[in-house]
Amino acid sequence: MACYPLLMLDQLAALLTGRARGRTLDLTTAPPDVLLQSAIVLRSLEAAVTRLDLDTGALEARLAAGGLLRLCAEPAGDGSRVVIEVAGRDWGGVARLLARELEHGGRA
């Protein structure tokens, strides 16, 4: 219970400064497929994909709320290790929704 106030302070600081923690996912999907699936999901969430580099495993998208989402997909075993980070505002929870969609698609 002692950690709860600290967690709330971290979340408040992330909101005020525009810095949010990244999300790391381990998926069974290959990195190029993760990037393409991410681009499709982000477009459906009204984000503008500004960079999609299959060779380096990088994707960047401008969110409707003004934040910048960065996704990196690297090979890990038979799948991918994916890191999603947002700089700026993500009021719509796009990073969270993207992570859920990737996890759902990665299990199929």
C-alpha atoms as a PDB file:
ATOM      1  CA  MET A   1       0.000   0.000   0.000  1.00  0.00           C
ATOM      2  CA  ALA A   2       2.960   2.329   0.581  1.00  0.00           C
ATOM      3  CA  CYS A   3       3.866   2.268  -3.137  1.00  0.00           C
ATOM      4  CA  TYR A   4       0.422   3.406  -4.249  1.00  0.00           C
ATOM      5  CA  PRO A   5       0.964   7.154  -3.575  1.00  0.00           C
ATOM      6  CA  LEU A   6       4.319   6.981  -5.397  1.00  0.00           C
ATOM      7  CA  LEU A   7       2.675   5.309  -8.385  1.00  0.00           C
ATOM      8  CA  MET A   8       0.055   8.049  -8.504  1.00  0.00           C
ATOM      9  CA  LEU A   9       2.775  10.714  -8.340  1.00  0.00           C
ATOM     10  CA  ASP A  10       4.631   9.040 -11.225  1.00  0.00           C
ATOM     11  CA  GLN A  11       1.459   9.011 -13.315  1.00  0.00           C
ATOM     12  CA  LEU A  12       0.743  12.653 -12.482  1.00  0.00           C
ATOM     13  CA  ALA A  13       4.308  13.653 -13.374  1.00  0.00           C
ATOM     14  CA  ALA A  14       4.015  11.817 -16.690  1.00  0.00           C
ATOM     15  CA  LEU A  15       0.805  13.705 -17.494  1.00  0.00           C
ATOM     16  CA  LEU A  16       2.228  17.092 -16.543  1.00  0.00           C
ATOM     17  CA  THR A  17       5.566  16.698 -18.299  1.00  0.00           C
ATOM     18  CA  GLY A  18       4.284  14.786 -21.317  1.00  0.00           C
ATOM     19  CA  ARG A  19       6.648  11.898 -20.570  1.00  0.00           C
ATOM     20  CA  ALA A  20       5.055   8.525 -20.235  1.00  0.00           C
ATOM     21  CA  ARG A  21       6.602   5.177 -19.557  1.00  0.00           C
ATOM     22  CA  GLY A  22       7.090   2.885 -22.480  1.00  0.00           C
ATOM     23  CA  ARG A  23       5.363  -0.422 -22.951  1.00  0.00           C
ATOM     24  CA  THR A  24       7.334  -3.548 -23.808  1.00  0.00           C
ATOM     25  CA  LEU A  25       5.632  -6.532 -25.421  1.00  0.00           C
ATOM     26  CA  ASP A  26       6.904  -9.967 -26.400  1.00  0.00           C
ATOM     27  CA  LEU A  27       4.936 -11.186 -29.407  1.00  0.00           C
ATOM     28  CA  THR A  28       4.978 -14.294 -31.587  1.00  0.00           C
ATOM     29  CA  THR A  29       4.712 -12.147 -34.732  1.00  0.00           C
ATOM     30  CA  ALA A  30       7.714 -11.237 -36.930  1.00  0.00           C
ATOM     31  CA  PRO A  31       8.905  -7.587 -36.695  1.00  0.00           C
ATOM     32  CA  PRO A  32       7.789  -6.544 -40.226  1.00  0.00           C
ATOM     33  CA  ASP A  33       4.309  -7.916 -39.551  1.00  0.00           C
ATOM     34  CA  VAL A  34       4.174  -6.075 -36.210  1.00  0.00           C
ATOM     35  CA  LEU A  35       5.056  -2.806 -37.943  1.00  0.00           C
ATOM     36  CA  LEU A  36       2.453  -3.251 -40.682  1.00  0.00           C
ATOM     37  CA  GLN A  37      -0.244  -4.272 -38.196  1.00  0.00           C
ATOM     38  CA  SER A  38       0.674  -1.266 -36.036  1.00  0.00           C
ATOM     39  CA  ALA A  39       0.336   1.098 -38.989  1.00  0.00           C
ATOM     40  CA  ILE A  40      -3.139  -0.249 -39.749  1.00  0.00           C
ATOM     41  CA  VAL A  41      -4.266   0.039 -36.123  1.00  0.00           C
ATOM     42  CA  LEU A  42      -2.825   3.546 -35.762  1.00  0.00           C
ATOM     43  CA  ARG A  43      -4.585   4.756 -38.920  1.00  0.00           C
ATOM     44  CA  SER A  44      -7.884   3.413 -37.554  1.00  0.00           C
ATOM     45  CA  LEU A  45      -7.214   5.438 -34.370  1.00  0.00           C
ATOM     46  CA  GLU A  46      -6.762   8.621 -36.460  1.00  0.00           C
ATOM     47  CA  ALA A  47      -2.994   8.788 -36.003  1.00  0.00           C
ATOM     48  CA  ALA A  48      -0.805   9.885 -38.919  1.00  0.00           C
ATOM     49  CA  VAL A  49       2.025   7.440 -39.585  1.00  0.00           C
ATOM     50  CA  THR A  50       5.030   9.632 -40.386  1.00  0.00           C
ATOM     51  CA  ARG A  51       7.727   6.963 -40.560  1.00  0.00           C
ATOM     52  CA  LEU A  52       7.637   3.239 -41.289  1.00  0.00           C
ATOM     53  CA  ASP A  53      11.034   1.582 -41.742  1.00  0.00           C
ATOM     54  CA  LEU A  54      10.872  -2.192 -42.097  1.00  0.00           C
ATOM     55  CA  ASP A  55      14.672  -2.482 -42.305  1.00  0.00           C
ATOM     56  CA  THR A  56      15.328  -0.900 -38.904  1.00  0.00           C
ATOM     57  CA  GLY A  57      12.058  -1.999 -37.290  1.00  0.00           C
ATOM     58  CA  ALA A  58      10.909   1.537 -36.527  1.00  0.00           C
ATOM     59  CA  LEU A  59       7.567   3.310 -36.781  1.00  0.00           C
ATOM     60  CA  GLU A  60       6.577   6.841 -35.775  1.00  0.00           C
ATOM     61  CA  ALA A  61       3.112   8.334 -35.744  1.00  0.00           C
ATOM     62  CA  ARG A  62       1.659  11.718 -34.830  1.00  0.00           C
ATOM     63  CA  LEU A  63      -1.340  11.306 -32.510  1.00  0.00           C
ATOM     64  CA  ALA A  64      -4.489  13.390 -32.801  1.00  0.00           C
ATOM     65  CA  ALA A  65      -3.815  14.874 -29.337  1.00  0.00           C
ATOM     66  CA  GLY A  66      -0.393  16.073 -30.505  1.00  0.00           C
ATOM     67  CA  GLY A  67       1.857  13.378 -29.080  1.00  0.00           C
ATOM     68  CA  LEU A  68       4.459  11.417 -30.994  1.00  0.00           C
ATOM     69  CA  LEU A  69       4.284   7.629 -30.752  1.00  0.00           C
ATOM     70  CA  ARG A  70       7.429   5.624 -31.442  1.00  0.00           C
ATOM     71  CA  LEU A  71       7.430   1.871 -31.897  1.00  0.00           C
ATOM     72  CA  CYS A  72      10.488  -0.341 -32.232  1.00  0.00           C
ATOM     73  CA  ALA A  73      10.184  -4.036 -33.170  1.00  0.00           C
ATOM     74  CA  GLU A  74      13.252  -6.282 -32.885  1.00  0.00           C
ATOM     75  CA  PRO A  75      13.568 -10.022 -33.492  1.00  0.00           C
ATOM     76  CA  ALA A  76      13.398 -12.069 -30.289  1.00  0.00           C
ATOM     77  CA  GLY A  77      13.401 -15.836 -30.589  1.00  0.00           C
ATOM     78  CA  ASP A  78      10.545 -16.873 -32.893  1.00  0.00           C
ATOM     79  CA  GLY A  79       8.796 -13.518 -32.543  1.00  0.00           C
ATOM     80  CA  SER A  80       9.426  -9.904 -31.664  1.00  0.00           C
ATOM     81  CA  ARG A  81      10.195  -7.672 -28.729  1.00  0.00           C
ATOM     82  CA  VAL A  82       8.215  -4.474 -29.198  1.00  0.00           C
ATOM     83  CA  VAL A  83       8.700  -1.192 -27.364  1.00  0.00           C
ATOM     84  CA  ILE A  84       6.020   1.516 -27.598  1.00  0.00           C
ATOM     85  CA  GLU A  85       6.770   5.004 -26.269  1.00  0.00           C
ATOM     86  CA  VAL A  86       4.828   8.245 -26.454  1.00  0.00           C
ATOM     87  CA  ALA A  87       6.320  11.717 -26.216  1.00  0.00           C
ATOM     88  CA  GLY A  88       3.671  14.306 -25.459  1.00  0.00           C
ATOM     89  CA  ARG A  89      -0.057  13.831 -25.004  1.00  0.00           C
ATOM     90  CA  ASP A  90      -1.900  10.565 -25.478  1.00  0.00           C
ATOM     91  CA  TRP A  91      -5.276  11.510 -24.025  1.00  0.00           C
ATOM     92  CA  GLY A  92      -7.053   8.860 -26.095  1.00  0.00           C
ATOM     93  CA  GLY A  93      -4.870   6.033 -24.792  1.00  0.00           C
ATOM     94  CA  VAL A  94      -3.616   5.162 -28.269  1.00  0.00           C
ATOM     95  CA  ALA A  95      -0.476   3.423 -26.937  1.00  0.00           C
ATOM     96  CA  ARG A  96      -2.582   1.266 -24.624  1.00  0.00           C
ATOM     97  CA  LEU A  97      -5.051   0.397 -27.400  1.00  0.00           C
ATOM     98  CA  LEU A  98      -2.235  -0.392 -29.821  1.00  0.00           C
ATOM     99  CA  ALA A  99      -0.575  -2.679 -27.266  1.00  0.00           C
ATOM    100  CA  ARG A 100      -3.868  -4.531 -26.734  1.00  0.00           C
ATOM    101  CA  GLU A 101      -4.400  -4.982 -30.465  1.00  0.00           C
ATOM    102  CA  LEU A 102      -0.859  -6.247 -30.984  1.00  0.00           C
ATOM    103  CA  GLU A 103      -1.161  -8.699 -28.093  1.00  0.00           C
ATOM    104  CA  HIS A 104      -4.469  -9.978 -29.447  1.00  0.00           C
ATOM    105  CA  GLY A 105      -3.077 -10.329 -32.962  1.00  0.00           C
ATOM    106  CA  GLY A 106       0.172 -11.832 -31.677  1.00  0.00           C
ATOM    107  CA  ARG A 107      -1.645 -14.737 -30.011  1.00  0.00           C
ATOM    108  CA  ALA A 108      -3.728 -15.680 -33.029  1.00  0.00           C
END
